[in-house]
Every structure is written in C-alpha cells, then in structure tokens.
Amino acid sequence: MISCGEASGDLYAGALAGELRRRDPSLSLWGFGGAHLREAGAEVLEDYHAFSVTGLTEAVRVLPRSYRLLRRLVDEARRRRPKALVVVDFPDFHFRLAAAVHALGIPVVYYVGPQFWAWRPGRLQAMRKFVDKALVIFPFEAALYRDAGVPVEFVGHPLIDLVGGHRSRADVLTSQGLVPSRPTVALLPGSRPNEVRAILPTLLQAAGRLRQSLLPVQFLLARAPGLDHGLFAGVDAAEVDGLRVGTLTGMTDDVLSASDVVITASGTATVQAALHERPMVIVYRLSPLTYRLGKPFVSVETYGMVNLVAGRRVVPELIQEHLTTESLHAATLAFLTDERLVNDTTAALREVRERLGSPGASGRAADAVLATAGRVDRPDAVTGSDGRERSPSPFRAR
C-alpha cells in the first residue's frame, strides 16, 4: 500500500513503485497518488490533486474530503491486509493514516520524512509510535531520527536519478518561439493552486520590469500537470502587453536546462534547479493568517532546501512580505549581470548536489521497503486488554 498527496510525492512514489516491481513483478501495489504512481502499475484509488494545498487555513477547506479519504484507505487496509504501508511526505494526512494502519498490525515505512527539524519538531516523537522504518533523503536527517529513537536509513535523493533526459536548450526555446542566444529566466510558481495564485502575479510583474531593462531577457514558465488553465490567465494577459512567456507543462527539466536563472517557489523544485546547477531566487507566500499562525513554530532561519543542505544561504530567499516586485527584480537582475556571483553560486550548488548522495535512491528505498515488509511479524488484529479485536480510530493520531 502506497500513499502520496502531492506532485513531488507522486514522482517519488512512482519511481519507488517501479523499483519494487523490478524486484518482484508479482507485487500488487495500490493506494493514493497520481499519474506517476499509476503509470508504475499501481491501482490508484483516489487522485491527490483535490487534496494538495499548503498552509493551515488553506487545509481547512479540504478537511471533509480528507476525512472521507482517510476512512476509505483505512477500511481498504483492513480488508486487503497489505504487507506494508509506504507513506511519502505529506505529514498532516499521513500521520493519521500511518497510525491507524500501524494499529492494524501492518508495518509502516515513512519515505521522505517530514521536515520536523524546520517545523513542529514534536512530530518526531509521534513517529516513534507508528513508524517501523524512516527513509530520509537528506544526509543530515539520519542522525536526528536516530537520536530520537526512530529506525532510519539515508537512501539519498531520488531526484538524482529522475533529473535528466531533457532536450537541448535550442530545441526547447525554439519550440516556444524564443531565441536560444538570449538570456532566459525560468519561472516555477509551484505545483499547488494556492501557490500559483499567491506567487505567479508577482513573478510576472518582476518579469515585466526585467523586460524593460536593456537586457534582451526572455521567460520560460514550468506549469505543473493537473492545474486549471485559469490559474495562468495572467500569462496570457502579460503576452498581450508584449511580455513573451513560453510555457511547458510537465517538463520542468526542459525548462531548467534551457534557462540561465531560475525563479522558483520553495520546495522540491529548488533541489531540481540545484541538480541542474542553475542560480536561483527562492520565493514563497502564504495567506497572512497562515503565516502568522505558523511562524512561531518554525525553527530554521532559511526555508529553501538548497540553503538548508548547504548549511548556509547560497541563494537568495524572498518569503512573504519580502517577496515584492522590486526585491525579485533586483535579485534576478544580479544573476543576469554579475558573472562572479553566478560562478560562486554555481560552485555552491555543485557542492549541494554532491551532498545529496549517489544515484540509486529509489532502488535503495525499494530494498528497505521489501525488507521491512518481510521481517516484521505482527498479528492480523490488535487486541485490547479484554481480548477483543480493536478497530483503531483513524483520527486518534496527532
């Protein structure tokens, strides 16, 4: 049983499922996810797109659907009795799912563990109760999990194997009516609807400012699959005003390979850009209420994964009120005009890539999943002190 609730998780789950199938073609795989998991041969009971949001206040709107999905998945686990459950990131939902399925006597593997070291560290203690194996993708995480008593293995970052196979810069740009010899800025506004609504308008405004400079700069936008076209109406409006923006859907590697500088929403895309060794400006914006509620729980000074892996700020971050048209214009222009800054940043990103581990992360994760599924011997039902079978509530975990 595999569960993932967002675009990056689906990408990793699909790669994991493919490696599981290579090791044992007879495996039956099923759960919650998207196109990548489905293409790897898994039965997808529900698609993640209706549940993928960021922020506390934003999540409230999908709570009723989330509870219905949770009940369905727990019921299916009780009926199908999988040898193991693999949950991928997406902690607010997966803590409840994992706790309920673990209580059925089914081993739980947490792949791409939650970033407890940055946000809500108390979650690590909860994981001790229902996680049989944590598979982490950043090198500094393993010791933190181990110190907290959670069985852990550092498998490396799956994107190392998944990044590649892109077209040449010339092919990508000419396909969009752009000029390969001109400086190109990639725009990555996120994979969730609320991210795009909050971030894309500022990206386009800054792009307009850059276009007004003396540089013949052009833009290439990476659009995540499954997003409504209406979210990108601003791109059409910008083109009417003379700002040419090429758009590619589901081809982030092509966009990154064809760019000189990247403006990206904080998240997995920052690691993807680092693997392409592209200087980047990391941006993010939540609703004001979500930001105020969440900020006291944040325990890191930087947000971008690239900076966290590097252990220092190697690329600029413009978060919340610091994300303005003026600040974004200035940070991007610096990369377009300062060759020394570009060289220093590229060297730092090369170091980040080296820290992410060797190729083969999905295969190592698959080996760990199969080992956990085969070695954990638990009863089919959990019994209480009265000897009766207990049906765990899927809403008990916190």
Protein backbone atom coordinates (compact mmCIF):
# COMPACT_ATOMS: atom_id res chain seq x y z
CA MET A 1 0.00 0.00 0.00
CA ILE A 2 1.49 3.35 -1.08
CA SER A 3 0.18 6.83 -0.30
CA CYS A 4 1.34 10.22 -1.56
CA GLY A 5 -0.51 13.52 -1.57
CA GLU A 6 1.29 15.99 -3.82
CA ALA A 7 3.23 16.29 -7.07
CA SER A 8 6.72 15.62 -5.71
CA GLY A 9 5.47 12.72 -3.58
CA ASP A 10 3.78 11.18 -6.61
CA LEU A 11 7.04 11.47 -8.56
CA TYR A 12 8.98 9.69 -5.82
CA ALA A 13 6.24 7.11 -5.24
CA GLY A 14 6.14 6.28 -8.93
CA ALA A 15 9.90 5.72 -9.03
CA LEU A 16 9.71 3.60 -5.88
CA ALA A 17 6.85 1.52 -7.28
CA GLY A 18 8.85 0.90 -10.45
CA GLU A 19 11.81 -0.36 -8.44
CA LEU A 20 9.57 -2.57 -6.30
CA ARG A 21 8.11 -4.13 -9.43
CA ARG A 22 11.59 -4.74 -10.87
CA ARG A 23 12.50 -6.67 -7.75
CA ASP A 24 9.22 -8.58 -7.53
CA PRO A 25 6.92 -8.42 -10.60
CA SER A 26 4.22 -10.31 -8.70
CA LEU A 27 3.68 -7.45 -6.23
CA SER A 28 0.25 -5.88 -6.02
CA LEU A 29 0.55 -2.12 -5.46
CA TRP A 30 -2.34 0.15 -4.62
CA GLY A 31 -3.18 3.33 -2.72
CA PHE A 32 -3.47 7.10 -3.00
CA GLY A 33 -1.49 9.14 -5.52
CA GLY A 34 -1.36 10.39 -9.08
CA ALA A 35 -0.19 9.76 -12.61
CA HIS A 36 3.36 8.64 -11.78
CA LEU A 37 2.15 6.02 -9.30
CA ARG A 38 -0.49 4.87 -11.76
CA GLU A 39 2.00 4.63 -14.63
CA ALA A 40 4.22 2.43 -12.46
CA GLY A 41 1.43 -0.14 -12.32
CA ALA A 42 -0.28 0.74 -9.06
CA GLU A 43 -4.04 0.85 -8.56
CA VAL A 44 -4.79 4.45 -7.55
CA LEU A 45 -7.99 4.64 -5.51
CA GLU A 46 -8.02 8.45 -5.33
CA ASP A 47 -6.04 11.15 -7.12
CA TYR A 48 -4.09 13.59 -4.96
CA HIS A 49 -4.92 16.78 -6.89
CA ALA A 50 -8.10 17.53 -4.92
CA PHE A 51 -6.18 17.39 -1.63
CA SER A 52 -2.93 19.22 -2.39
CA VAL A 53 -2.73 22.59 -0.62
CA THR A 54 -0.25 24.38 1.60
CA GLY A 55 -0.93 26.30 4.78
CA LEU A 56 -3.08 25.87 7.86
CA THR A 57 -6.04 27.96 6.80
CA GLU A 58 -5.92 26.58 3.25
CA ALA A 59 -6.09 23.00 4.54
CA VAL A 60 -9.38 23.65 6.35
CA ARG A 61 -11.24 23.72 3.03
CA VAL A 62 -10.26 20.16 2.15
CA LEU A 63 -10.79 18.64 5.60
CA PRO A 64 -14.14 16.94 4.83
CA ARG A 65 -12.71 15.26 1.72
CA SER A 66 -9.56 14.31 3.63
CA TYR A 67 -11.52 12.57 6.40
CA ARG A 68 -13.56 10.62 3.85
CA LEU A 69 -10.37 9.57 2.07
CA LEU A 70 -8.78 8.57 5.36
CA ARG A 71 -11.71 6.33 6.28
CA ARG A 72 -11.64 4.70 2.84
CA LEU A 73 -7.91 3.97 2.94
CA VAL A 74 -8.04 2.54 6.46
CA ASP A 75 -11.01 0.36 5.51
CA GLU A 76 -9.15 -0.88 2.43
CA ALA A 77 -6.06 -1.65 4.52
CA ARG A 78 -8.20 -3.63 6.95
CA ARG A 79 -9.77 -5.55 4.06
CA ARG A 80 -6.70 -6.12 1.84
CA ARG A 81 -4.09 -6.66 4.58
CA PRO A 82 -1.04 -5.26 2.71
CA LYS A 83 2.41 -6.48 3.74
CA ALA A 84 3.44 -2.87 4.35
CA LEU A 85 2.25 0.71 4.02
CA VAL A 86 4.61 3.28 2.49
CA VAL A 87 3.68 6.91 3.07
CA VAL A 88 5.54 9.63 1.18
CA ASP A 89 5.94 13.05 2.83
CA PHE A 90 2.52 14.86 3.26
CA PRO A 91 2.68 14.57 7.08
CA ASP A 92 -0.58 16.17 8.24
CA PHE A 93 -2.58 13.48 6.47
CA HIS A 94 -0.08 10.64 6.69
CA PHE A 95 0.42 10.79 10.44
CA ARG A 96 -3.23 9.85 10.87
CA LEU A 97 -3.20 7.24 8.12
CA ALA A 98 0.06 5.65 9.32
CA ALA A 99 -1.07 5.50 12.95
CA ALA A 100 -4.36 3.84 12.05
CA VAL A 101 -2.82 1.31 9.65
CA HIS A 102 0.02 0.52 12.09
CA ALA A 103 -2.59 -0.28 14.73
CA LEU A 104 -3.93 -2.96 12.35
CA GLY A 105 -0.59 -4.76 12.67
CA ILE A 106 0.72 -3.57 9.29
CA PRO A 107 4.34 -2.30 9.10
CA VAL A 108 4.75 1.35 8.14
CA VAL A 109 7.61 2.84 6.14
CA TYR A 110 7.84 6.64 6.04
CA TYR A 111 9.64 7.68 2.85
CA VAL A 112 10.78 11.30 2.58
CA GLY A 113 10.28 12.06 6.26
CA PRO A 114 8.61 15.29 7.41
CA GLN A 115 10.90 18.26 7.93
CA PHE A 116 10.45 18.21 11.70
CA TRP A 117 13.78 19.98 12.16
CA ALA A 118 12.25 23.03 10.47
CA TRP A 119 8.63 22.85 11.57
CA ARG A 120 6.85 21.25 14.55
CA PRO A 121 9.71 19.14 16.00
CA GLY A 122 7.30 17.31 18.31
CA ARG A 123 6.15 15.22 15.35
CA LEU A 124 9.35 13.19 15.55
CA GLN A 125 8.30 11.77 18.94
CA ALA A 126 4.94 10.76 17.45
CA MET A 127 6.70 8.89 14.65
CA ARG A 128 8.34 6.55 17.18
CA LYS A 129 4.91 5.08 17.89
CA PHE A 130 3.91 4.07 14.38
CA VAL A 131 6.91 4.10 12.01
CA ASP A 132 8.85 0.86 11.55
CA LYS A 133 11.38 2.46 9.19
CA ALA A 134 12.05 6.04 8.12
CA LEU A 135 13.78 6.53 4.77
CA VAL A 136 15.30 10.00 4.57
CA ILE A 137 16.67 11.78 1.52
CA PHE A 138 18.89 14.45 3.09
CA PRO A 139 22.18 13.43 4.74
CA PHE A 140 21.80 15.49 7.93
CA GLU A 141 18.43 13.93 8.76
CA ALA A 142 19.61 10.41 9.63
CA ALA A 143 21.36 11.33 12.89
CA LEU A 144 18.37 13.39 14.03
CA TYR A 145 15.97 10.49 13.54
CA ARG A 146 18.38 8.02 15.10
CA ASP A 147 18.87 10.19 18.18
CA ALA A 148 15.11 10.30 18.62
CA GLY A 149 14.83 6.52 18.53
CA VAL A 150 13.24 6.18 15.06
CA PRO A 151 14.74 3.40 12.89
CA VAL A 152 16.17 5.26 9.92
CA GLU A 153 18.13 4.85 6.70
CA PHE A 154 19.56 7.57 4.48
CA VAL A 155 18.83 6.44 0.90
CA GLY A 156 19.82 9.59 -0.99
CA HIS A 157 17.69 11.92 -3.08
CA PRO A 158 15.54 10.26 -5.77
CA LEU A 159 15.73 13.33 -8.00
CA ILE A 160 19.35 12.50 -8.79
CA ASP A 161 18.06 9.64 -10.95
CA LEU A 162 14.91 11.40 -12.13
CA VAL A 163 16.56 14.60 -13.37
CA GLY A 164 17.80 14.11 -16.92
CA GLY A 165 16.65 13.15 -20.37
CA HIS A 166 15.85 16.76 -21.19
CA ARG A 167 16.01 18.35 -24.62
CA SER A 168 18.71 20.79 -25.66
CA ARG A 169 18.39 24.49 -24.88
CA ALA A 170 17.98 25.29 -28.56
CA ASP A 171 15.21 22.74 -29.07
CA VAL A 172 13.29 23.90 -26.00
CA LEU A 173 13.49 27.62 -26.73
CA THR A 174 12.80 27.44 -30.46
CA SER A 175 9.76 25.24 -29.77
CA GLN A 176 8.35 28.17 -27.77
CA GLY A 177 9.26 30.85 -30.29
CA LEU A 178 12.14 32.07 -28.12
CA VAL A 179 15.75 32.82 -29.11
CA PRO A 180 18.47 30.46 -27.81
CA SER A 181 21.11 33.21 -27.69
CA ARG A 182 19.11 35.46 -25.35
CA PRO A 183 19.29 35.28 -21.54
CA THR A 184 16.40 33.16 -20.29
CA VAL A 185 14.71 33.22 -16.90
CA ALA A 186 12.72 30.18 -15.77
CA LEU A 187 9.54 30.80 -13.77
CA LEU A 188 8.42 27.98 -11.43
CA PRO A 189 5.38 29.23 -9.45
CA GLY A 190 4.64 25.95 -7.64
CA SER A 191 2.54 22.83 -8.14
CA ARG A 192 -0.49 23.66 -5.96
CA PRO A 193 -3.30 26.01 -6.97
CA ASN A 194 -2.97 28.26 -3.92
CA GLU A 195 0.79 28.58 -4.53
CA VAL A 196 0.26 29.69 -8.11
CA ARG A 197 -2.42 32.21 -7.12
CA ALA A 198 -0.19 33.74 -4.46
CA ILE A 199 3.12 33.74 -6.35
CA LEU A 200 2.62 33.95 -10.12
CA PRO A 201 1.33 37.56 -10.31
CA THR A 202 4.49 38.87 -8.60
CA LEU A 203 6.68 36.74 -10.87
CA LEU A 204 5.02 38.23 -13.93
CA GLN A 205 5.30 41.77 -12.58
CA ALA A 206 9.02 41.29 -11.93
CA ALA A 207 9.39 39.76 -15.39
CA GLY A 208 7.83 42.88 -16.86
CA ARG A 209 10.33 45.04 -15.01
CA LEU A 210 13.22 42.91 -16.25
CA ARG A 211 11.95 43.11 -19.82
CA GLN A 212 12.03 46.91 -19.56
CA SER A 213 15.77 46.81 -18.81
CA LEU A 214 18.39 46.97 -21.52
CA LEU A 215 18.82 43.18 -21.40
CA PRO A 216 17.03 41.16 -24.12
CA VAL A 217 15.70 38.78 -21.45
CA GLN A 218 13.01 36.19 -22.17
CA PHE A 219 10.97 33.87 -19.95
CA LEU A 220 10.00 30.22 -19.81
CA LEU A 221 7.33 29.01 -17.39
CA ALA A 222 7.12 25.48 -15.95
CA ARG A 223 3.49 24.57 -15.41
CA ALA A 224 2.73 21.61 -13.15
CA PRO A 225 0.34 18.99 -14.58
CA GLY A 226 -3.27 18.95 -13.46
CA LEU A 227 -3.62 22.68 -12.76
CA ASP A 228 -6.56 24.63 -14.13
CA HIS A 229 -5.75 26.86 -17.09
CA GLY A 230 -7.47 29.78 -15.40
CA LEU A 231 -4.63 29.97 -12.88
CA PHE A 232 -2.37 31.09 -15.72
CA ALA A 233 -4.61 33.75 -17.22
CA GLY A 234 -2.05 36.33 -16.13
CA VAL A 235 0.47 34.83 -18.56
CA ASP A 236 -1.90 35.43 -21.47
CA ALA A 237 -2.52 39.00 -20.26
CA ALA A 238 1.22 39.63 -19.97
CA GLU A 239 1.77 38.47 -23.54
CA VAL A 240 -0.85 40.93 -24.73
CA ASP A 241 1.26 43.64 -23.07
CA GLY A 242 4.33 42.46 -25.00
CA LEU A 243 5.91 40.07 -22.46
CA ARG A 244 6.69 36.80 -24.23
CA VAL A 245 6.48 33.81 -21.89
CA GLY A 246 6.93 30.31 -23.24
CA THR A 247 5.01 27.68 -21.27
CA LEU A 248 5.75 23.98 -20.89
CA THR A 249 3.55 21.61 -18.88
CA GLY A 250 5.08 18.69 -17.01
CA MET A 251 8.55 19.41 -18.44
CA THR A 252 10.39 21.10 -15.59
CA ASP A 253 13.73 19.57 -16.56
CA ASP A 254 13.41 21.01 -20.07
CA VAL A 255 12.63 24.43 -18.62
CA LEU A 256 15.59 24.31 -16.22
CA SER A 257 18.03 23.03 -18.83
CA ALA A 258 17.11 25.90 -21.16
CA SER A 259 17.39 28.66 -18.54
CA ASP A 260 20.18 30.85 -17.22
CA VAL A 261 18.46 31.93 -14.00
CA VAL A 262 15.52 30.39 -12.13
CA ILE A 263 12.80 32.00 -10.02
CA THR A 264 11.21 29.13 -8.10
CA ALA A 265 8.69 28.53 -5.38
CA SER A 266 10.28 26.97 -2.31
CA GLY A 267 10.05 23.19 -2.34
CA THR A 268 11.30 20.24 -4.36
CA ALA A 269 11.89 22.43 -7.41
CA THR A 270 14.78 24.14 -5.61
CA VAL A 271 16.61 20.80 -5.42
CA GLN A 272 15.77 20.13 -9.06
CA ALA A 273 17.25 23.50 -10.02
CA ALA A 274 20.35 22.76 -7.93
CA LEU A 275 20.85 19.46 -9.76
CA HIS A 276 20.88 21.49 -12.98
CA GLU A 277 23.32 23.89 -11.26
CA ARG A 278 21.12 26.86 -12.10
CA PRO A 279 21.40 30.05 -9.99
CA MET A 280 18.01 30.68 -8.45
CA VAL A 281 15.88 33.04 -6.42
CA ILE A 282 13.62 31.16 -3.99
CA VAL A 283 10.21 32.72 -3.34
CA TYR A 284 7.16 31.85 -1.28
CA ARG A 285 3.99 33.42 0.02
CA LEU A 286 1.20 32.04 2.22
CA SER A 287 -2.02 33.67 3.31
CA PRO A 288 -1.27 36.29 6.02
CA LEU A 289 -3.22 34.33 8.65
CA THR A 290 -1.42 31.05 7.89
CA TYR A 291 1.94 32.78 8.04
CA ARG A 292 1.19 34.44 11.41
CA LEU A 293 -0.10 31.20 12.90
CA GLY A 294 2.79 29.11 11.66
CA LYS A 295 5.80 31.36 12.11
CA PRO A 296 6.23 30.75 15.87
CA PHE A 297 6.68 27.03 15.16
CA VAL A 298 9.42 27.48 12.56
CA SER A 299 12.87 26.66 13.94
CA VAL A 300 15.16 27.46 10.99
CA GLU A 301 16.49 30.75 9.65
CA THR A 302 16.29 29.72 5.99
CA TYR A 303 13.43 27.99 4.17
CA GLY A 304 14.90 26.86 0.86
CA MET A 305 16.04 23.25 0.83
CA VAL A 306 19.15 24.17 -1.14
CA ASN A 307 20.27 26.55 1.61
CA LEU A 308 19.44 24.02 4.34
CA VAL A 309 21.51 21.31 2.67
CA ALA A 310 24.37 23.74 2.08
CA GLY A 311 24.28 24.86 5.72
CA ARG A 312 24.36 28.49 4.63
CA ARG A 313 22.47 30.86 2.37
CA VAL A 314 23.88 30.21 -1.11
CA VAL A 315 20.87 31.63 -3.00
CA PRO A 316 18.51 34.45 -2.02
CA GLU A 317 15.13 33.77 -0.42
CA LEU A 318 12.19 36.17 -0.69
CA ILE A 319 9.49 34.95 1.69
CA GLN A 320 6.12 36.51 2.50
CA GLU A 321 6.39 40.31 2.86
CA HIS A 322 9.93 40.23 1.44
CA LEU A 323 8.55 38.96 -1.86
CA THR A 324 7.85 42.14 -3.84
CA THR A 325 8.20 43.10 -7.47
CA GLU A 326 11.16 45.33 -6.60
CA SER A 327 13.06 42.77 -4.49
CA LEU A 328 12.52 39.99 -7.03
CA HIS A 329 13.60 42.23 -9.90
CA ALA A 330 16.79 43.19 -8.08
CA ALA A 331 17.74 39.64 -7.05
CA THR A 332 17.16 38.24 -10.54
CA LEU A 333 18.94 41.13 -12.26
CA ALA A 334 22.02 40.47 -10.10
CA PHE A 335 22.32 36.94 -11.52
CA LEU A 336 21.83 38.25 -15.06
CA THR A 337 24.56 40.87 -14.78
CA ASP A 338 27.16 39.66 -12.24
CA GLU A 339 29.33 36.88 -13.69
CA ARG A 340 31.28 36.38 -10.47
CA LEU A 341 28.06 35.93 -8.49
CA VAL A 342 26.88 33.33 -10.99
CA ASN A 343 30.18 31.42 -10.80
CA ASP A 344 30.23 31.42 -7.00
CA THR A 345 26.61 30.30 -6.80
CA THR A 346 27.10 27.54 -9.37
CA ALA A 347 30.07 26.20 -7.39
CA ALA A 348 27.99 26.18 -4.19
CA LEU A 349 25.14 24.33 -5.94
CA ARG A 350 27.63 21.74 -7.17
CA GLU A 351 28.55 21.09 -3.53
CA VAL A 352 24.86 20.72 -2.67
CA ARG A 353 24.48 18.13 -5.40
CA GLU A 354 27.40 16.13 -4.01
CA ARG A 355 25.82 16.12 -0.55
CA LEU A 356 22.59 14.60 -1.81
CA GLY A 357 24.11 11.14 -2.16
CA SER A 358 24.81 8.77 -5.01
CA PRO A 359 22.42 7.59 -7.73
CA GLY A 360 20.05 4.71 -6.96
CA ALA A 361 17.96 6.23 -4.14
CA SER A 362 14.68 4.70 -5.34
CA GLY A 363 16.27 1.27 -5.57
CA ARG A 364 17.70 1.53 -2.07
CA ALA A 365 14.30 2.64 -0.81
CA ALA A 366 12.65 -0.34 -2.51
CA ASP A 367 15.11 -2.74 -0.85
CA ALA A 368 14.33 -1.20 2.56
CA VAL A 369 10.56 -1.45 1.97
CA LEU A 370 10.77 -5.12 0.99
CA ALA A 371 12.99 -5.90 3.97
CA THR A 372 10.54 -4.22 6.34
CA ALA A 373 7.56 -5.99 4.80
CA GLY A 374 9.27 -9.37 5.08
CA ARG A 375 10.83 -9.24 8.50
CA VAL A 376 8.07 -7.70 10.66
CA ASP A 377 5.79 -10.37 12.10
CA ARG A 378 2.68 -8.95 13.69
CA PRO A 379 -0.78 -10.33 14.46
CA ASP A 380 -3.56 -9.68 11.99
CA ALA A 381 -5.54 -7.77 14.57
CA VAL A 382 -4.74 -5.62 17.55
CA THR A 383 -6.41 -6.81 20.73
CA GLY A 384 -7.27 -4.85 23.81
CA SER A 385 -6.93 -5.89 27.44
CA ASP A 386 -10.30 -7.63 27.22
CA GLY A 387 -9.08 -9.87 24.40
CA ARG A 388 -11.44 -8.38 21.82
CA GLU A 389 -10.29 -7.08 18.44
CA ARG A 390 -9.89 -3.33 18.47
CA SER A 391 -10.66 -1.18 15.41
CA PRO A 392 -8.43 1.89 15.67
CA SER A 393 -9.84 5.29 15.03
CA PRO A 394 -8.15 6.96 12.07
CA PHE A 395 -8.48 10.30 13.87
CA ARG A 396 -6.62 9.41 17.09
CA ALA A 397 -3.12 10.44 15.96
CA ARG A 398 -1.86 13.99 16.37
